PDB file of N, CA and C in Angstrom:
ATOM      1  N   MET A   1      22.148 -16.571   2.493  1.00  0.00           N
ATOM      2  CA  MET A   1      22.162 -15.501   1.411  1.00  0.00           C
ATOM      3  C   MET A   1      23.472 -15.727   0.783  1.00  0.00           C
ATOM      4  N   GLN A   2      23.599 -15.392  -0.532  1.00  0.00           N
ATOM      5  CA  GLN A   2      24.915 -15.586  -1.272  1.00  0.00           C
ATOM      6  C   GLN A   2      25.668 -14.338  -1.289  1.00  0.00           C
ATOM      7  N   LEU A   3      26.960 -14.558  -1.248  1.00  0.00           N
ATOM      8  CA  LEU A   3      27.928 -13.423  -1.138  1.00  0.00           C
ATOM      9  C   LEU A   3      27.671 -12.222  -2.151  1.00  0.00           C
ATOM     10  N   SER A   4      27.376 -12.791  -3.443  1.00  0.00           N
ATOM     11  CA  SER A   4      27.049 -11.879  -4.408  1.00  0.00           C
ATOM     12  C   SER A   4      25.734 -10.991  -4.062  1.00  0.00           C
ATOM     13  N   LYS A   5      24.836 -11.610  -3.471  1.00  0.00           N
ATOM     14  CA  LYS A   5      23.712 -10.898  -3.132  1.00  0.00           C
ATOM     15  C   LYS A   5      24.007  -9.791  -2.109  1.00  0.00           C
ATOM     16  N   ILE A   6      24.634 -10.268  -1.103  1.00  0.00           N
ATOM     17  CA  ILE A   6      24.973  -9.311  -0.057  1.00  0.00           C
ATOM     18  C   ILE A   6      25.770  -8.163  -0.703  1.00  0.00           C
ATOM     19  N   LEU A   7      26.659  -8.338  -1.489  1.00  0.00           N
ATOM     20  CA  LEU A   7      27.587  -7.312  -2.026  1.00  0.00           C
ATOM     21  C   LEU A   7      26.758  -6.316  -2.670  1.00  0.00           C
ATOM     22  N   ALA A   8      25.676  -6.919  -3.636  1.00  0.00           N
ATOM     23  CA  ALA A   8      24.780  -6.041  -4.533  1.00  0.00           C
ATOM     24  C   ALA A   8      24.036  -5.283  -3.661  1.00  0.00           C
ATOM     25  N   GLU A   9      23.432  -5.629  -2.305  1.00  0.00           N
ATOM     26  CA  GLU A   9      22.684  -4.898  -1.518  1.00  0.00           C
ATOM     27  C   GLU A   9      23.479  -3.814  -0.804  1.00  0.00           C
ATOM     28  N   ILE A  10      24.699  -4.095  -0.506  1.00  0.00           N
ATOM     29  CA  ILE A  10      25.523  -3.062   0.012  1.00  0.00           C
ATOM     30  C   ILE A  10      25.804  -1.964  -1.242  1.00  0.00           C
ATOM     31  N   ASP A  11      26.123  -2.257  -2.275  1.00  0.00           N
ATOM     32  CA  ASP A  11      26.213  -1.413  -3.287  1.00  0.00           C
ATOM     33  C   ASP A  11      24.924  -0.524  -3.680  1.00  0.00           C
ATOM     34  N   LEU A  12      23.875  -1.271  -3.346  1.00  0.00           N
ATOM     35  CA  LEU A  12      22.606  -0.387  -3.582  1.00  0.00           C
ATOM     36  C   LEU A  12      22.288   0.474  -2.473  1.00  0.00           C
ATOM     37  N   GLU A  13      22.740  -0.012  -1.170  1.00  0.00           N
ATOM     38  CA  GLU A  13      22.628   1.081   0.036  1.00  0.00           C
ATOM     39  C   GLU A  13      23.726   2.251  -0.094  1.00  0.00           C
ATOM     40  N   ILE A  14      24.679   1.905  -0.648  1.00  0.00           N
ATOM     41  CA  ILE A  14      25.811   2.838  -0.701  1.00  0.00           C
ATOM     42  C   ILE A  14      25.353   4.055  -1.844  1.00  0.00           C
ATOM     43  N   SER A  15      24.659   3.568  -2.844  1.00  0.00           N
ATOM     44  CA  SER A  15      24.087   4.561  -3.995  1.00  0.00           C
ATOM     45  C   SER A  15      23.088   5.274  -3.421  1.00  0.00           C
ATOM     46  N   ARG A  16      22.185   4.589  -2.405  1.00  0.00           N
ATOM     47  CA  ARG A  16      21.032   5.408  -1.807  1.00  0.00           C
ATOM     48  C   ARG A  16      21.508   6.524  -1.022  1.00  0.00           C
ATOM     49  N   LEU A  17      22.816   5.936  -0.168  1.00  0.00           N
ATOM     50  CA  LEU A  17      23.251   7.130   0.744  1.00  0.00           C
ATOM     51  C   LEU A  17      23.849   8.328   0.006  1.00  0.00           C
ATOM     52  N   GLU A  18      24.500   7.849  -1.123  1.00  0.00           N
ATOM     53  CA  GLU A  18      25.136   8.922  -1.928  1.00  0.00           C
ATOM     54  C   GLU A  18      24.052   9.940  -2.624  1.00  0.00           C
ATOM     55  N   GLN A  19      23.019   9.359  -2.910  1.00  0.00           N
ATOM     56  CA  GLN A  19      21.912  10.190  -3.408  1.00  0.00           C
ATOM     57  C   GLN A  19      21.291  11.005  -2.263  1.00  0.00           C
ATOM     58  N   ALA A  20      21.259  10.585  -1.114  1.00  0.00           N
ATOM     59  CA  ALA A  20      20.605  11.450  -0.076  1.00  0.00           C
ATOM     60  C   ALA A  20      21.588  12.318   0.462  1.00  0.00           C
ATOM     61  N   ARG A  21      22.747  12.185   0.393  1.00  0.00           N
ATOM     62  CA  ARG A  21      23.871  13.269   0.750  1.00  0.00           C
ATOM     63  C   ARG A  21      23.943  14.171  -0.288  1.00  0.00           C
ATOM     64  N   THR A  22      23.801  13.967  -1.556  1.00  0.00           N
ATOM     65  CA  THR A  22      23.692  14.968  -2.675  1.00  0.00           C
ATOM     66  C   THR A  22      22.670  15.841  -2.439  1.00  0.00           C
ATOM     67  N   LEU A  23      21.370  15.300  -2.229  1.00  0.00           N
ATOM     68  CA  LEU A  23      20.187  16.164  -1.952  1.00  0.00           C
ATOM     69  C   LEU A  23      20.268  17.118  -0.804  1.00  0.00           C
ATOM     70  N   LEU A  24      20.826  16.502   0.309  1.00  0.00           N
ATOM     71  CA  LEU A  24      21.001  17.290   1.572  1.00  0.00           C
ATOM     72  C   LEU A  24      22.017  18.363   1.298  1.00  0.00           C
ATOM     73  N   ALA A  25      23.236  18.048   0.681  1.00  0.00           N
ATOM     74  CA  ALA A  25      24.274  19.009   0.491  1.00  0.00           C
ATOM     75  C   ALA A  25      23.738  19.995  -0.582  1.00  0.00           C
ATOM     76  N   GLY A  26      22.927  19.773  -1.492  1.00  0.00           N
ATOM     77  CA  GLY A  26      22.453  20.900  -2.434  1.00  0.00           C
ATOM     78  C   GLY A  26      23.354  20.967  -3.758  1.00  0.00           C
ATOM     79  N   ASP A  27      24.030  19.907  -3.994  1.00  0.00           N
ATOM     80  CA  ASP A  27      24.954  19.880  -4.991  1.00  0.00           C
ATOM     81  C   ASP A  27      23.990  19.958  -6.205  1.00  0.00           C
ATOM     82  N   GLY A  28      22.908  19.541  -6.430  1.00  0.00           N
ATOM     83  CA  GLY A  28      22.016  19.663  -7.650  1.00  0.00           C
ATOM     84  C   GLY A  28      22.024  18.348  -8.467  1.00  0.00           C
ATOM     85  N   GLY A  29      23.385  17.804  -8.634  1.00  0.00           N
ATOM     86  CA  GLY A  29      23.543  16.790  -9.640  1.00  0.00           C
ATOM     87  C   GLY A  29      23.004  15.547  -9.177  1.00  0.00           C
ATOM     88  N   PRO A  30      22.556  14.512  -9.921  1.00  0.00           N
ATOM     89  CA  PRO A  30      22.190  13.226  -9.373  1.00  0.00           C
ATOM     90  C   PRO A  30      23.418  12.474  -9.035  1.00  0.00           C
ATOM     91  N   ALA A  31      23.207  11.630  -8.036  1.00  0.00           N
ATOM     92  CA  ALA A  31      24.363  11.010  -7.515  1.00  0.00           C
ATOM     93  C   ALA A  31      24.084   9.431  -7.803  1.00  0.00           C
ATOM     94  N   VAL A  32      23.841   8.958  -9.028  1.00  0.00           N
ATOM     95  CA  VAL A  32      23.453   7.750  -9.354  1.00  0.00           C
ATOM     96  C   VAL A  32      24.690   7.119  -9.864  1.00  0.00           C
ATOM     97  N   LYS A  33      25.072   5.874  -9.461  1.00  0.00           N
ATOM     98  CA  LYS A  33      26.327   5.275  -9.906  1.00  0.00           C
ATOM     99  C   LYS A  33      25.665   4.117 -11.162  1.00  0.00           C
ATOM    100  N   LYS A  34      26.613   4.241 -12.086  1.00  0.00           N
ATOM    101  CA  LYS A  34      26.371   3.557 -13.236  1.00  0.00           C
ATOM    102  C   LYS A  34      26.609   2.102 -13.258  1.00  0.00           C
ATOM    103  N   ALA A  35      27.496   1.615 -12.519  1.00  0.00           N
ATOM    104  CA  ALA A  35      27.846   0.341 -12.152  1.00  0.00           C
ATOM    105  C   ALA A  35      26.898  -0.303 -11.257  1.00  0.00           C
ATOM    106  N   ASN A  36      26.807  -1.629 -11.515  1.00  0.00           N
ATOM    107  CA  ASN A  36      25.939  -2.564 -10.587  1.00  0.00           C
ATOM    108  C   ASN A  36      24.476  -2.170 -10.573  1.00  0.00           C
ATOM    109  N   LYS A  37      23.952  -1.575 -11.798  1.00  0.00           N
ATOM    110  CA  LYS A  37      22.600  -1.291 -11.728  1.00  0.00           C
ATOM    111  C   LYS A  37      21.736  -2.569 -11.979  1.00  0.00           C
ATOM    112  N   THR A  38      22.217  -3.537 -12.654  1.00  0.00           N
ATOM    113  CA  THR A  38      21.528  -4.591 -13.078  1.00  0.00           C
ATOM    114  C   THR A  38      21.498  -5.598 -11.688  1.00  0.00           C
ATOM    115  N   LYS A  39      22.654  -5.649 -10.956  1.00  0.00           N
ATOM    116  CA  LYS A  39      22.664  -6.472  -9.824  1.00  0.00           C
ATOM    117  C   LYS A  39      21.641  -5.845  -8.814  1.00  0.00           C
ATOM    118  N   ALA A  40      21.582  -4.583  -8.668  1.00  0.00           N
ATOM    119  CA  ALA A  40      20.775  -3.877  -7.720  1.00  0.00           C
ATOM    120  C   ALA A  40      19.257  -4.206  -8.045  1.00  0.00           C
ATOM    121  N   ALA A  41      18.984  -4.199  -9.297  1.00  0.00           N
ATOM    122  CA  ALA A  41      17.617  -4.489  -9.742  1.00  0.00           C
ATOM    123  C   ALA A  41      17.200  -5.913  -9.293  1.00  0.00           C
ATOM    124  N   VAL A  42      18.125  -6.764  -9.526  1.00  0.00           N
ATOM    125  CA  VAL A  42      17.854  -8.237  -9.357  1.00  0.00           C
ATOM    126  C   VAL A  42      17.644  -8.525  -8.036  1.00  0.00           C
ATOM    127  N   VAL A  43      18.366  -7.879  -7.058  1.00  0.00           N
ATOM    128  CA  VAL A  43      18.456  -8.123  -5.612  1.00  0.00           C
ATOM    129  C   VAL A  43      17.030  -7.656  -5.193  1.00  0.00           C
ATOM    130  N   SER A  44      16.618  -6.463  -5.498  1.00  0.00           N
ATOM    131  CA  SER A  44      15.289  -5.963  -5.023  1.00  0.00           C
ATOM    132  C   SER A  44      14.233  -6.839  -5.568  1.00  0.00           C
ATOM    133  N   VAL A  45      14.283  -7.526  -6.588  1.00  0.00           N
ATOM    134  CA  VAL A  45      13.278  -8.276  -7.054  1.00  0.00           C
ATOM    135  C   VAL A  45      13.129  -9.771  -6.307  1.00  0.00           C
ATOM    136  N   GLU A  46      14.421 -10.205  -6.091  1.00  0.00           N
ATOM    137  CA  GLU A  46      14.546 -11.488  -5.687  1.00  0.00           C
ATOM    138  C   GLU A  46      14.264 -11.509  -4.105  1.00  0.00           C
ATOM    139  N   ALA A  47      14.860 -10.494  -3.427  1.00  0.00           N
ATOM    140  CA  ALA A  47      14.728 -10.645  -1.880  1.00  0.00           C
ATOM    141  C   ALA A  47      14.127  -9.314  -1.506  1.00  0.00           C
ATOM    142  N   PRO A  48      12.824  -9.448  -1.104  1.00  0.00           N
ATOM    143  CA  PRO A  48      12.163  -8.226  -0.482  1.00  0.00           C
ATOM    144  C   PRO A  48      12.852  -7.759   0.773  1.00  0.00           C
ATOM    145  N   LEU A  49      12.767  -6.530   1.177  1.00  0.00           N
ATOM    146  CA  LEU A  49      13.264  -6.131   2.288  1.00  0.00           C
ATOM    147  C   LEU A  49      12.600  -6.716   3.574  1.00  0.00           C
ATOM    148  N   LYS A  50      13.479  -7.298   4.454  1.00  0.00           N
ATOM    149  CA  LYS A  50      12.895  -7.805   5.950  1.00  0.00           C
ATOM    150  C   LYS A  50      12.227  -6.677   6.652  1.00  0.00           C
ATOM    151  N   ARG A  51      11.144  -7.024   7.234  1.00  0.00           N
ATOM    152  CA  ARG A  51      10.759  -6.032   8.208  1.00  0.00           C
ATOM    153  C   ARG A  51      11.229  -6.365   9.650  1.00  0.00           C
ATOM    154  N   LYS A  52      11.252  -5.233  10.567  1.00  0.00           N
ATOM    155  CA  LYS A  52      11.812  -5.445  11.803  1.00  0.00           C
ATOM    156  C   LYS A  52      10.788  -6.327  12.676  1.00  0.00           C
ATOM    157  N   LYS A  53      11.243  -7.087  13.589  1.00  0.00           N
ATOM    158  CA  LYS A  53      10.335  -7.695  14.415  1.00  0.00           C
ATOM    159  C   LYS A  53       9.748  -6.644  15.424  1.00  0.00           C
ATOM    160  N   LYS A  54       8.358  -6.746  15.774  1.00  0.00           N
ATOM    161  CA  LYS A  54       7.603  -6.231  16.618  1.00  0.00           C
ATOM    162  C   LYS A  54       8.355  -6.241  17.892  1.00  0.00           C
ATOM    163  N   ARG A  55       8.535  -5.132  18.793  1.00  0.00           N
ATOM    164  CA  ARG A  55       9.149  -5.359  20.011  1.00  0.00           C
ATOM    165  C   ARG A  55       8.055  -5.268  21.067  1.00  0.00           C
ATOM    166  N   ASN A  56       8.002  -6.209  21.875  1.00  0.00           N
ATOM    167  CA  ASN A  56       6.798  -6.389  22.939  1.00  0.00           C
ATOM    168  C   ASN A  56       7.568  -5.866  24.230  1.00  0.00           C
ATOM    169  N   LEU A  57       6.689  -5.352  25.051  1.00  0.00           N
ATOM    170  CA  LEU A  57       7.165  -4.891  26.269  1.00  0.00           C
ATOM    171  C   LEU A  57       6.640  -5.932  27.307  1.00  0.00           C
ATOM    172  N   SER A  58       7.543  -6.265  28.258  1.00  0.00           N
ATOM    173  CA  SER A  58       7.162  -7.065  29.300  1.00  0.00           C
ATOM    174  C   SER A  58       6.187  -6.425  30.240  1.00  0.00           C
ATOM    175  N   PRO A  59       5.438  -7.323  31.022  1.00  0.00           N
ATOM    176  CA  PRO A  59       4.618  -6.568  32.068  1.00  0.00           C
ATOM    177  C   PRO A  59       5.280  -5.720  33.115  1.00  0.00           C
ATOM    178  N   GLU A  60       6.450  -6.306  33.553  1.00  0.00           N
ATOM    179  CA  GLU A  60       7.433  -5.583  34.576  1.00  0.00           C
ATOM    180  C   GLU A  60       7.881  -4.185  33.808  1.00  0.00           C
ATOM    181  N   GLY A  61       8.164  -4.250  32.571  1.00  0.00           N
ATOM    182  CA  GLY A  61       8.589  -3.181  31.895  1.00  0.00           C
ATOM    183  C   GLY A  61       7.623  -1.959  31.913  1.00  0.00           C
ATOM    184  N   ARG A  62       6.321  -2.524  31.443  1.00  0.00           N
ATOM    185  CA  ARG A  62       5.271  -1.818  31.347  1.00  0.00           C
ATOM    186  C   ARG A  62       4.860  -1.119  32.711  1.00  0.00           C
ATOM    187  N   LYS A  63       5.017  -1.694  33.800  1.00  0.00           N
ATOM    188  CA  LYS A  63       4.570  -1.263  35.144  1.00  0.00           C
ATOM    189  C   LYS A  63       5.659  -0.185  35.508  1.00  0.00           C
ATOM    190  N   ARG A  64       7.039  -0.405  35.179  1.00  0.00           N
ATOM    191  CA  ARG A  64       8.037   0.621  35.521  1.00  0.00           C
ATOM    192  C   ARG A  64       7.729   1.809  34.895  1.00  0.00           C
ATOM    193  N   ILE A  65       7.496   1.773  33.605  1.00  0.00           N
ATOM    194  CA  ILE A  65       7.105   3.005  32.741  1.00  0.00           C
ATOM    195  C   ILE A  65       5.809   3.689  33.307  1.00  0.00           C
ATOM    196  N   ALA A  66       4.662   3.028  33.639  1.00  0.00           N
ATOM    197  CA  ALA A  66       3.661   3.668  34.264  1.00  0.00           C
ATOM    198  C   ALA A  66       3.859   4.356  35.672  1.00  0.00           C
ATOM    199  N   GLU A  67       4.717   3.749  36.373  1.00  0.00           N
ATOM    200  CA  GLU A  67       5.189   4.233  37.671  1.00  0.00           C
ATOM    201  C   GLU A  67       5.968   5.569  37.385  1.00  0.00           C
ATOM    202  N   ALA A  68       6.933   5.630  36.490  1.00  0.00           N
ATOM    203  CA  ALA A  68       7.597   6.637  35.975  1.00  0.00           C
ATOM    204  C   ALA A  68       6.748   7.891  35.599  1.00  0.00           C
ATOM    205  N   VAL A  69       5.690   7.531  34.747  1.00  0.00           N
ATOM    206  CA  VAL A  69       4.791   8.480  34.230  1.00  0.00           C
ATOM    207  C   VAL A  69       3.981   9.064  35.513  1.00  0.00           C
ATOM    208  N   ARG A  70       3.563   8.255  36.291  1.00  0.00           N
ATOM    209  CA  ARG A  70       2.889   8.942  37.492  1.00  0.00           C
ATOM    210  C   ARG A  70       3.495   9.795  38.193  1.00  0.00           C
ATOM    211  N   ARG A  71       4.814   9.409  38.623  1.00  0.00           N
ATOM    212  CA  ARG A  71       5.799  10.223  39.467  1.00  0.00           C
ATOM    213  C   ARG A  71       6.045  11.553  38.548  1.00  0.00           C
ATOM    214  N   ARG A  72       6.141  11.383  37.384  1.00  0.00           N
ATOM    215  CA  ARG A  72       6.312  12.813  36.518  1.00  0.00           C
ATOM    216  C   ARG A  72       5.008  13.613  36.654  1.00  0.00           C
ATOM    217  N   TRP A  73       3.778  13.003  36.577  1.00  0.00           N
ATOM    218  CA  TRP A  73       2.494  13.817  36.686  1.00  0.00           C
ATOM    219  C   TRP A  73       2.518  14.392  38.051  1.00  0.00           C
ATOM    220  N   GLU A  74       2.893  13.600  39.130  1.00  0.00           N
ATOM    221  CA  GLU A  74       2.770  14.230  40.462  1.00  0.00           C
ATOM    222  C   GLU A  74       3.757  15.608  40.436  1.00  0.00           C
ATOM    223  N   LEU A  75       4.901  15.454  40.000  1.00  0.00           N
ATOM    224  CA  LEU A  75       5.808  16.535  40.002  1.00  0.00           C
ATOM    225  C   LEU A  75       5.486  17.761  39.348  1.00  0.00           C
ATOM    226  N   GLN A  76       4.796  17.633  38.147  1.00  0.00           N
ATOM    227  CA  GLN A  76       4.277  18.591  37.352  1.00  0.00           C
ATOM    228  C   GLN A  76       3.044  19.435  38.220  1.00  0.00           C
ATOM    229  N   LYS A  77       2.209  18.428  38.918  1.00  0.00           N
ATOM    230  CA  LYS A  77       1.010  18.901  39.612  1.00  0.00           C
ATOM    231  C   LYS A  77       1.624  19.954  40.659  1.00  0.00           C
ATOM    232  N   LYS A  78       2.687  19.288  41.408  1.00  0.00           N
ATOM    233  CA  LYS A  78       3.017  20.120  42.506  1.00  0.00           C
ATOM    234  C   LYS A  78       3.836  21.247  42.053  1.00  0.00           C
ATOM    235  N   ALA A  79       4.482  21.310  40.965  1.00  0.00           N
ATOM    236  CA  ALA A  79       5.122  22.606  40.421  1.00  0.00           C
ATOM    237  C   ALA A  79       3.981  23.519  39.808  1.00  0.00           C
ATOM    238  N   ALA A  80       2.870  23.109  39.362  1.00  0.00           N
ATOM    239  CA  ALA A  80       1.876  23.803  38.883  1.00  0.00           C
ATOM    240  C   ALA A  80       1.103  24.446  40.119  1.00  0.00           C
ATOM    241  N   ALA A  81       1.029  23.835  41.185  1.00  0.00           N
ATOM    242  CA  ALA A  81       0.336  24.287  42.382  1.00  0.00           C
ATOM    243  C   ALA A  81       0.928  25.551  43.143  1.00  0.00           C
ATOM    244  N   LYS A  82       2.486  25.539  42.888  1.00  0.00           N
ATOM    245  CA  LYS A  82       3.268  26.579  43.657  1.00  0.00           C
ATOM    246  C   LYS A  82       2.898  27.994  42.865  1.00  0.00           C
TER     247      LYS A  82
END
């Protein structure tokens, strides 16, 4: 990826964050930066956003989680029986 594209993506993300902050703070006014609009538009057309990879659980990890859930259910059953 070229440096100019990276910088344009960073500028785009900064403007998005500023808009979100303005909305959350309730300032009311739009927080749109006038600079770098053309670069931001070009980046969004040329390079679509990458999706995160799907995270897979190993069989060992799945087994550990299942055992922890079973222990939790046992404790809940014991607490409910009292």
